[in-house]
């Protein structure tokens, strides 16, 4: 057990060091923060989606924006597309699981809103479908992936993409939530 514990802490530290020393990632965090701030300044909303652990991250991020992060403040409009089981199951049943997020964006999002897609592989079909819908609506598109980026890293897929320098899903997810927390703090400080 001790070996596993020590190895996983060492792995996490290594990826954190790689991430925090990557100037491109740091610049992208600033750019993402700025487009979210701009969207909120213009009455926009943030829609977030992912699968599995990334679905939980989507809920977590939305809660940080809607409730609060550090400051007592006005709520910010954010929605995780992973929480309405009636929507998810109806869309998956009536259409296809690849449409569970895109249909919700079609119903609720507008031009200038943000779609924040999380996929450690960058290849989740429902995230890619939601990105296409978001583009058609005129939304701004943020992506979080692992080092390979998958299809989300292809040209013109995401406006801004964070690629955590790892292929290990747990390490990628740990860095995703840290980066999301940093973005939430910047957004909150800038708006309030």
C-alpha atoms as a PDB file:
ATOM      1  CA  UNK A   1       0.000   0.000   0.000  1.00  0.00           C
ATOM      2  CA  UNK A   2       2.743   2.449   0.922  1.00  0.00           C
ATOM      3  CA  UNK A   3       4.331   2.005  -2.519  1.00  0.00           C
ATOM      4  CA  UNK A   4       1.048   2.812  -4.267  1.00  0.00           C
ATOM      5  CA  UNK A   5       0.482   5.860  -2.054  1.00  0.00           C
ATOM      6  CA  UNK A   6       3.990   7.224  -2.622  1.00  0.00           C
ATOM      7  CA  UNK A   7       3.891   6.491  -6.368  1.00  0.00           C
ATOM      8  CA  UNK A   8       0.565   8.236  -6.897  1.00  0.00           C
ATOM      9  CA  UNK A   9       1.668  11.324  -4.964  1.00  0.00           C
ATOM     10  CA  UNK A  10       4.871  11.390  -7.025  1.00  0.00           C
ATOM     11  CA  UNK A  11       2.900  10.951 -10.268  1.00  0.00           C
ATOM     12  CA  UNK A  12       0.497  13.734  -9.315  1.00  0.00           C
ATOM     13  CA  UNK A  13       3.364  16.076  -8.376  1.00  0.00           C
ATOM     14  CA  UNK A  14       5.152  15.380 -11.673  1.00  0.00           C
ATOM     15  CA  UNK A  15       2.078  16.205 -13.771  1.00  0.00           C
ATOM     16  CA  UNK A  16       1.293  19.255 -11.636  1.00  0.00           C
ATOM     17  CA  UNK A  17       4.854  20.508 -12.155  1.00  0.00           C
ATOM     18  CA  UNK A  18       4.630  19.931 -15.912  1.00  0.00           C
ATOM     19  CA  UNK A  19       1.256  21.690 -16.074  1.00  0.00           C
ATOM     20  CA  UNK A  20       2.196  24.660 -13.907  1.00  0.00           C
ATOM     21  CA  UNK A  21       5.436  25.244 -15.847  1.00  0.00           C
ATOM     22  CA  UNK A  22       3.784  25.126 -19.279  1.00  0.00           C
ATOM     23  CA  UNK A  23       3.530  28.739 -20.473  1.00  0.00           C
ATOM     24  CA  UNK A  24       0.978  27.811 -23.148  1.00  0.00           C
ATOM     25  CA  UNK A  25      -1.340  26.332 -20.515  1.00  0.00           C
ATOM     26  CA  UNK A  26      -0.897  29.383 -18.284  1.00  0.00           C
ATOM     27  CA  UNK A  27      -1.734  31.739 -21.164  1.00  0.00           C
ATOM     28  CA  UNK A  28      -4.739  29.614 -22.108  1.00  0.00           C
ATOM     29  CA  UNK A  29      -6.041  29.766 -18.522  1.00  0.00           C
ATOM     30  CA  UNK A  30      -5.929  33.577 -18.760  1.00  0.00           C
ATOM     31  CA  UNK A  31      -7.677  33.564 -22.151  1.00  0.00           C
ATOM     32  CA  UNK A  32     -10.404  31.199 -20.928  1.00  0.00           C
ATOM     33  CA  UNK A  33     -10.959  33.368 -17.865  1.00  0.00           C
ATOM     34  CA  UNK A  34     -11.256  36.446 -20.063  1.00  0.00           C
ATOM     35  CA  UNK A  35     -13.849  34.964 -22.421  1.00  0.00           C
ATOM     36  CA  UNK A  36     -15.931  33.741 -19.480  1.00  0.00           C
ATOM     37  CA  UNK A  37     -15.741  37.202 -17.898  1.00  0.00           C
ATOM     38  CA  UNK A  38     -16.758  38.751 -21.226  1.00  0.00           C
ATOM     39  CA  UNK A  39     -19.681  36.343 -21.577  1.00  0.00           C
ATOM     40  CA  UNK A  40     -20.928  37.233 -18.103  1.00  0.00           C
ATOM     41  CA  UNK A  41     -20.480  40.962 -18.785  1.00  0.00           C
ATOM     42  CA  UNK A  42     -22.779  40.471 -21.780  1.00  0.00           C
ATOM     43  CA  UNK A  43     -25.483  38.476 -19.992  1.00  0.00           C
ATOM     44  CA  UNK A  44     -24.184  35.082 -21.097  1.00  0.00           C
ATOM     45  CA  UNK A  45     -24.198  31.684 -19.463  1.00  0.00           C
ATOM     46  CA  UNK A  46     -21.680  28.843 -19.141  1.00  0.00           C
ATOM     47  CA  UNK A  47     -22.737  25.289 -20.065  1.00  0.00           C
ATOM     48  CA  UNK A  48     -20.401  22.490 -18.964  1.00  0.00           C
ATOM     49  CA  UNK A  49     -20.393  18.794 -19.850  1.00  0.00           C
ATOM     50  CA  UNK A  50     -18.305  15.655 -19.504  1.00  0.00           C
ATOM     51  CA  UNK A  51     -18.688  11.909 -18.955  1.00  0.00           C
ATOM     52  CA  UNK A  52     -17.946   9.831 -15.853  1.00  0.00           C
ATOM     53  CA  UNK A  53     -15.547  11.675 -13.557  1.00  0.00           C
ATOM     54  CA  UNK A  54     -15.629  14.601 -15.972  1.00  0.00           C
ATOM     55  CA  UNK A  55     -19.425  14.740 -15.530  1.00  0.00           C
ATOM     56  CA  UNK A  56     -18.819  15.172 -11.806  1.00  0.00           C
ATOM     57  CA  UNK A  57     -16.258  17.878 -12.625  1.00  0.00           C
ATOM     58  CA  UNK A  58     -18.842  19.640 -14.802  1.00  0.00           C
ATOM     59  CA  UNK A  59     -21.252  19.688 -11.873  1.00  0.00           C
ATOM     60  CA  UNK A  60     -18.509  20.844  -9.520  1.00  0.00           C
ATOM     61  CA  UNK A  61     -17.486  23.755 -11.771  1.00  0.00           C
ATOM     62  CA  UNK A  62     -21.092  24.852 -12.302  1.00  0.00           C
ATOM     63  CA  UNK A  63     -21.648  24.840  -8.538  1.00  0.00           C
ATOM     64  CA  UNK A  64     -18.569  27.012  -7.965  1.00  0.00           C
ATOM     65  CA  UNK A  65     -19.940  29.590 -10.419  1.00  0.00           C
ATOM     66  CA  UNK A  66     -23.578  29.516  -9.324  1.00  0.00           C
ATOM     67  CA  UNK A  67     -23.041  29.361  -5.563  1.00  0.00           C
ATOM     68  CA  UNK A  68     -19.722  31.028  -4.822  1.00  0.00           C
ATOM     69  CA  UNK A  69     -16.045  30.314  -4.812  1.00  0.00           C
ATOM     70  CA  UNK A  70     -14.340  32.525  -2.210  1.00  0.00           C
ATOM     71  CA  UNK A  71     -16.550  35.622  -2.180  1.00  0.00           C
ATOM     72  CA  UNK A  72     -20.081  36.384  -1.117  1.00  0.00           C
ATOM     73  CA  UNK A  73     -21.503  37.625  -4.396  1.00  0.00           C
ATOM     74  CA  UNK A  74     -24.289  37.477  -6.932  1.00  0.00           C
ATOM     75  CA  UNK A  75     -24.803  34.069  -8.539  1.00  0.00           C
ATOM     76  CA  UNK A  76     -23.280  33.490 -11.970  1.00  0.00           C
ATOM     77  CA  UNK A  77     -25.295  31.667 -14.652  1.00  0.00           C
ATOM     78  CA  UNK A  78     -23.807  28.207 -15.175  1.00  0.00           C
ATOM     79  CA  UNK A  79     -25.316  24.819 -15.883  1.00  0.00           C
ATOM     80  CA  UNK A  80     -23.933  21.318 -15.961  1.00  0.00           C
ATOM     81  CA  UNK A  81     -25.549  19.399 -18.816  1.00  0.00           C
ATOM     82  CA  UNK A  82     -24.968  16.142 -16.931  1.00  0.00           C
ATOM     83  CA  UNK A  83     -27.534  16.458 -14.134  1.00  0.00           C
ATOM     84  CA  UNK A  84     -31.015  16.248 -15.625  1.00  0.00           C
ATOM     85  CA  UNK A  85     -31.626  12.498 -15.768  1.00  0.00           C
ATOM     86  CA  UNK A  86     -34.939  12.914 -17.572  1.00  0.00           C
ATOM     87  CA  UNK A  87     -33.252  14.886 -20.359  1.00  0.00           C
ATOM     88  CA  UNK A  88     -30.291  12.517 -20.519  1.00  0.00           C
ATOM     89  CA  UNK A  89     -32.353   9.341 -20.674  1.00  0.00           C
ATOM     90  CA  UNK A  90     -35.025  10.709 -23.016  1.00  0.00           C
ATOM     91  CA  UNK A  91     -32.478  12.045 -25.495  1.00  0.00           C
ATOM     92  CA  UNK A  92     -30.332   8.883 -25.305  1.00  0.00           C
ATOM     93  CA  UNK A  93     -33.422   6.719 -25.762  1.00  0.00           C
ATOM     94  CA  UNK A  94     -35.177   8.754 -28.458  1.00  0.00           C
ATOM     95  CA  UNK A  95     -32.054   9.742 -30.406  1.00  0.00           C
ATOM     96  CA  UNK A  96     -28.612   8.561 -29.380  1.00  0.00           C
ATOM     97  CA  UNK A  97     -26.240   9.025 -26.436  1.00  0.00           C
ATOM     98  CA  UNK A  98     -24.043  11.178 -28.654  1.00  0.00           C
ATOM     99  CA  UNK A  99     -26.846  13.800 -28.649  1.00  0.00           C
ATOM    100  CA  UNK A 100     -27.417  14.112 -24.884  1.00  0.00           C
ATOM    101  CA  UNK A 101     -25.537  17.417 -24.587  1.00  0.00           C
ATOM    102  CA  UNK A 102     -26.131  18.886 -28.045  1.00  0.00           C
ATOM    103  CA  UNK A 103     -29.932  18.700 -27.693  1.00  0.00           C
ATOM    104  CA  UNK A 104     -29.760  20.535 -24.373  1.00  0.00           C
ATOM    105  CA  UNK A 105     -27.613  23.273 -25.921  1.00  0.00           C
ATOM    106  CA  UNK A 106     -30.032  23.531 -28.832  1.00  0.00           C
ATOM    107  CA  UNK A 107     -32.863  24.078 -26.356  1.00  0.00           C
ATOM    108  CA  UNK A 108     -31.187  26.437 -23.886  1.00  0.00           C
ATOM    109  CA  UNK A 109     -28.055  28.137 -25.220  1.00  0.00           C
ATOM    110  CA  UNK A 110     -27.693  31.302 -27.232  1.00  0.00           C
ATOM    111  CA  UNK A 111     -25.024  33.096 -29.228  1.00  0.00           C
ATOM    112  CA  UNK A 112     -22.287  34.419 -26.960  1.00  0.00           C
ATOM    113  CA  UNK A 113     -22.755  31.737 -24.297  1.00  0.00           C
ATOM    114  CA  UNK A 114     -19.883  29.401 -23.432  1.00  0.00           C
ATOM    115  CA  UNK A 115     -19.710  25.646 -23.959  1.00  0.00           C
ATOM    116  CA  UNK A 116     -17.036  24.024 -21.779  1.00  0.00           C
ATOM    117  CA  UNK A 117     -16.438  20.425 -22.863  1.00  0.00           C
ATOM    118  CA  UNK A 118     -14.381  18.052 -20.739  1.00  0.00           C
ATOM    119  CA  UNK A 119     -13.001  14.807 -22.190  1.00  0.00           C
ATOM    120  CA  UNK A 120      -9.744  13.259 -20.990  1.00  0.00           C
ATOM    121  CA  UNK A 121      -9.334  11.532 -24.371  1.00  0.00           C
ATOM    122  CA  UNK A 122     -10.705  14.418 -26.428  1.00  0.00           C
ATOM    123  CA  UNK A 123     -12.779  11.897 -28.371  1.00  0.00           C
ATOM    124  CA  UNK A 124     -16.100  11.699 -26.494  1.00  0.00           C
ATOM    125  CA  UNK A 125     -18.769  11.632 -29.204  1.00  0.00           C
ATOM    126  CA  UNK A 126     -21.323  13.519 -27.133  1.00  0.00           C
ATOM    127  CA  UNK A 127     -18.813  16.295 -26.384  1.00  0.00           C
ATOM    128  CA  UNK A 128     -17.835  16.547 -30.055  1.00  0.00           C
ATOM    129  CA  UNK A 129     -21.505  16.681 -31.041  1.00  0.00           C
ATOM    130  CA  UNK A 130     -22.115  19.423 -28.477  1.00  0.00           C
ATOM    131  CA  UNK A 131     -19.151  21.375 -29.875  1.00  0.00           C
ATOM    132  CA  UNK A 132     -20.688  21.244 -33.357  1.00  0.00           C
ATOM    133  CA  UNK A 133     -24.032  22.442 -31.996  1.00  0.00           C
ATOM    134  CA  UNK A 134     -22.309  25.181 -30.004  1.00  0.00           C
ATOM    135  CA  UNK A 135     -20.564  26.390 -33.168  1.00  0.00           C
ATOM    136  CA  UNK A 136     -23.871  26.505 -35.027  1.00  0.00           C
ATOM    137  CA  UNK A 137     -25.395  28.561 -32.217  1.00  0.00           C
ATOM    138  CA  UNK A 138     -22.440  30.958 -32.123  1.00  0.00           C
ATOM    139  CA  UNK A 139     -21.175  29.962 -28.681  1.00  0.00           C
ATOM    140  CA  UNK A 140     -17.569  30.267 -27.502  1.00  0.00           C
ATOM    141  CA  UNK A 141     -15.993  26.836 -27.006  1.00  0.00           C
ATOM    142  CA  UNK A 142     -13.571  25.780 -24.276  1.00  0.00           C
ATOM    143  CA  UNK A 143     -12.101  22.275 -24.096  1.00  0.00           C
ATOM    144  CA  UNK A 144     -10.247  20.339 -21.405  1.00  0.00           C
ATOM    145  CA  UNK A 145      -8.410  17.148 -22.463  1.00  0.00           C
ATOM    146  CA  UNK A 146      -5.275  15.138 -21.822  1.00  0.00           C
ATOM    147  CA  UNK A 147      -1.982  15.478 -23.677  1.00  0.00           C
ATOM    148  CA  UNK A 148      -3.149  13.885 -26.923  1.00  0.00           C
ATOM    149  CA  UNK A 149      -6.225  16.090 -27.203  1.00  0.00           C
ATOM    150  CA  UNK A 150      -7.951  13.636 -29.538  1.00  0.00           C
ATOM    151  CA  UNK A 151     -10.432  15.111 -31.991  1.00  0.00           C
ATOM    152  CA  UNK A 152     -10.912  18.121 -29.723  1.00  0.00           C
ATOM    153  CA  UNK A 153      -7.333  19.152 -30.599  1.00  0.00           C
ATOM    154  CA  UNK A 154      -8.025  19.214 -34.321  1.00  0.00           C
ATOM    155  CA  UNK A 155      -7.952  22.602 -35.978  1.00  0.00           C
ATOM    156  CA  UNK A 156     -10.987  24.792 -35.335  1.00  0.00           C
ATOM    157  CA  UNK A 157     -12.679  22.313 -32.967  1.00  0.00           C
ATOM    158  CA  UNK A 158     -12.237  24.313 -29.745  1.00  0.00           C
ATOM    159  CA  UNK A 159     -11.504  28.000 -29.512  1.00  0.00           C
ATOM    160  CA  UNK A 160      -9.354  27.380 -26.431  1.00  0.00           C
ATOM    161  CA  UNK A 161      -8.061  23.999 -25.316  1.00  0.00           C
ATOM    162  CA  UNK A 162      -6.251  22.915 -22.157  1.00  0.00           C
ATOM    163  CA  UNK A 163      -4.231  19.740 -22.778  1.00  0.00           C
ATOM    164  CA  UNK A 164      -2.945  18.401 -19.463  1.00  0.00           C
ATOM    165  CA  UNK A 165       0.457  16.773 -20.132  1.00  0.00           C
ATOM    166  CA  UNK A 166      -0.537  13.226 -19.198  1.00  0.00           C
ATOM    167  CA  UNK A 167      -2.236  10.142 -20.614  1.00  0.00           C
ATOM    168  CA  UNK A 168      -3.301   8.957 -17.140  1.00  0.00           C
ATOM    169  CA  UNK A 169      -6.998   9.721 -16.652  1.00  0.00           C
ATOM    170  CA  UNK A 170      -6.897  10.316 -12.856  1.00  0.00           C
ATOM    171  CA  UNK A 171      -3.927  12.709 -13.182  1.00  0.00           C
ATOM    172  CA  UNK A 172      -5.648  14.539 -16.040  1.00  0.00           C
ATOM    173  CA  UNK A 173      -8.851  14.927 -14.010  1.00  0.00           C
ATOM    174  CA  UNK A 174      -6.949  16.166 -10.953  1.00  0.00           C
ATOM    175  CA  UNK A 175      -5.361  18.897 -13.036  1.00  0.00           C
ATOM    176  CA  UNK A 176      -8.642  19.725 -14.776  1.00  0.00           C
ATOM    177  CA  UNK A 177     -10.327  20.545 -11.483  1.00  0.00           C
ATOM    178  CA  UNK A 178      -7.336  22.558 -10.230  1.00  0.00           C
ATOM    179  CA  UNK A 179      -7.305  24.606 -13.440  1.00  0.00           C
ATOM    180  CA  UNK A 180     -11.083  25.046 -13.240  1.00  0.00           C
ATOM    181  CA  UNK A 181     -10.717  26.316  -9.665  1.00  0.00           C
ATOM    182  CA  UNK A 182      -8.114  28.830 -10.811  1.00  0.00           C
ATOM    183  CA  UNK A 183     -10.460  30.016 -13.578  1.00  0.00           C
ATOM    184  CA  UNK A 184     -13.363  30.312 -11.109  1.00  0.00           C
ATOM    185  CA  UNK A 185     -11.216  32.410  -8.792  1.00  0.00           C
ATOM    186  CA  UNK A 186     -10.066  34.719 -11.590  1.00  0.00           C
ATOM    187  CA  UNK A 187     -13.629  35.130 -12.876  1.00  0.00           C
ATOM    188  CA  UNK A 188     -14.982  35.832  -9.404  1.00  0.00           C
ATOM    189  CA  UNK A 189     -12.213  38.343  -8.587  1.00  0.00           C
ATOM    190  CA  UNK A 190     -12.659  40.132 -11.901  1.00  0.00           C
ATOM    191  CA  UNK A 191     -16.441  40.421 -11.717  1.00  0.00           C
ATOM    192  CA  UNK A 192     -16.716  41.168  -8.002  1.00  0.00           C
END
